[in-house]
Amino acid sequence: MLIKLHIMTFTGRFCNYTCFLITDINECNDPGTHPCYGDCKNTPGSYNCTCPSGSFGDAKIENGCQHPNNSKSPSSIFIIGNIS
């Protein structure tokens, strides 16, 4: 979970108070630290990285998304031979 915590102290004539402001960090804006080679969506405290529609795999690694027609496993196997 990545967040920034800002602490500010205000002093007035009759009281002192401290404000805590928590802001989310957009991990999608920092691909060097939070890689995404697909569709990146910032979420509160984290991010989601998915392969584009029509593909599958791990979008957090380079070349991790594969399209079904480019996958390395064959979709059809043909066996040609003689049975004696």
Protein backbone atom coordinates (compact mmCIF):
# COMPACT_ATOMS: atom_id res chain seq x y z
CA MET A 1 0.00 0.00 0.00
CA LEU A 2 1.51 3.30 -1.06
CA ILE A 3 0.18 6.51 0.39
CA LYS A 4 1.63 9.86 1.37
CA LEU A 5 0.96 11.20 4.85
CA HIS A 6 1.06 14.95 5.22
CA ILE A 7 1.10 16.32 8.77
CA MET A 8 0.33 19.98 9.31
CA THR A 9 0.15 21.77 12.64
CA PHE A 10 -1.89 24.93 13.07
CA THR A 11 -1.61 27.25 16.02
CA GLY A 12 -4.39 29.67 16.81
CA ARG A 13 -5.18 32.06 19.62
CA PHE A 14 -7.25 29.55 21.60
CA CYS A 15 -6.22 26.12 20.35
CA ASN A 16 -3.62 24.02 18.63
CA TYR A 17 -4.53 21.19 16.30
CA THR A 18 -2.85 18.81 13.91
CA CYS A 19 -4.31 17.70 10.60
CA PHE A 20 -3.44 14.46 8.90
CA LEU A 21 -3.99 14.40 5.17
CA ILE A 22 -3.54 11.08 3.41
CA THR A 23 -3.21 11.10 -0.36
CA ASP A 24 -3.00 8.15 -2.72
CA ILE A 25 0.02 7.67 -4.96
CA ASN A 26 -0.80 6.84 -8.58
CA GLU A 27 1.44 3.83 -9.24
CA CYS A 28 0.50 3.92 -12.94
CA ASN A 29 2.52 7.15 -13.25
CA ASP A 30 5.71 5.37 -12.09
CA PRO A 31 6.32 2.44 -14.46
CA GLY A 32 9.96 2.16 -13.37
CA THR A 33 8.87 1.11 -9.89
CA HIS A 34 5.44 -0.32 -10.75
CA PRO A 35 5.72 -1.87 -14.23
CA CYS A 36 2.65 -2.47 -16.34
CA TYR A 37 2.78 -3.49 -20.00
CA GLY A 38 -1.00 -3.69 -20.32
CA ASP A 39 -3.89 -1.64 -18.98
CA CYS A 40 -3.00 0.08 -15.71
CA LYS A 41 -5.69 1.23 -13.29
CA ASN A 42 -4.87 3.10 -10.10
CA THR A 43 -6.71 1.94 -6.98
CA PRO A 44 -6.60 3.34 -3.43
CA GLY A 45 -3.25 2.22 -2.05
CA SER A 46 -2.34 -0.01 -5.01
CA TYR A 47 -2.92 -0.59 -8.73
CA ASN A 48 -4.25 -3.23 -11.12
CA CYS A 49 -2.40 -4.21 -14.26
CA THR A 50 -4.25 -6.42 -16.72
CA CYS A 51 -3.64 -7.60 -20.25
CA PRO A 52 -5.61 -5.79 -22.97
CA SER A 53 -8.96 -7.24 -23.99
CA GLY A 54 -8.55 -10.37 -26.09
CA SER A 55 -5.21 -11.33 -24.58
CA PHE A 56 -4.07 -13.17 -21.46
CA GLY A 57 -1.00 -13.54 -19.25
CA ASP A 58 0.96 -11.40 -16.80
CA ALA A 59 0.84 -7.73 -17.80
CA LYS A 60 3.42 -6.80 -15.14
CA ILE A 61 6.23 -8.38 -17.14
CA GLU A 62 7.42 -7.30 -20.56
CA ASN A 63 5.87 -9.46 -23.32
CA GLY A 64 3.75 -11.12 -20.62
CA CYS A 65 0.47 -10.65 -22.50
CA GLN A 66 -0.24 -13.15 -25.25
CA HIS A 67 -2.94 -13.17 -27.89
CA PRO A 68 -4.61 -16.57 -28.31
CA ASN A 69 -3.54 -16.87 -31.96
CA ASN A 70 0.08 -16.00 -31.05
CA SER A 71 0.41 -18.39 -28.12
CA LYS A 72 3.16 -20.98 -28.19
CA SER A 73 0.84 -23.93 -27.61
CA PRO A 74 -0.71 -25.41 -30.75
CA SER A 75 -4.43 -25.10 -31.18
CA SER A 76 -4.63 -27.94 -33.75
CA ILE A 77 -2.56 -31.08 -34.18
CA PHE A 78 -2.54 -33.04 -37.43
CA ILE A 79 -1.11 -36.52 -37.57
CA ILE A 80 -0.42 -38.00 -40.99
CA GLY A 81 0.67 -41.56 -41.40
CA ASN A 82 -0.10 -45.08 -42.62
CA ILE A 83 -1.65 -47.76 -40.50
CA SER A 84 -0.45 -51.19 -41.67
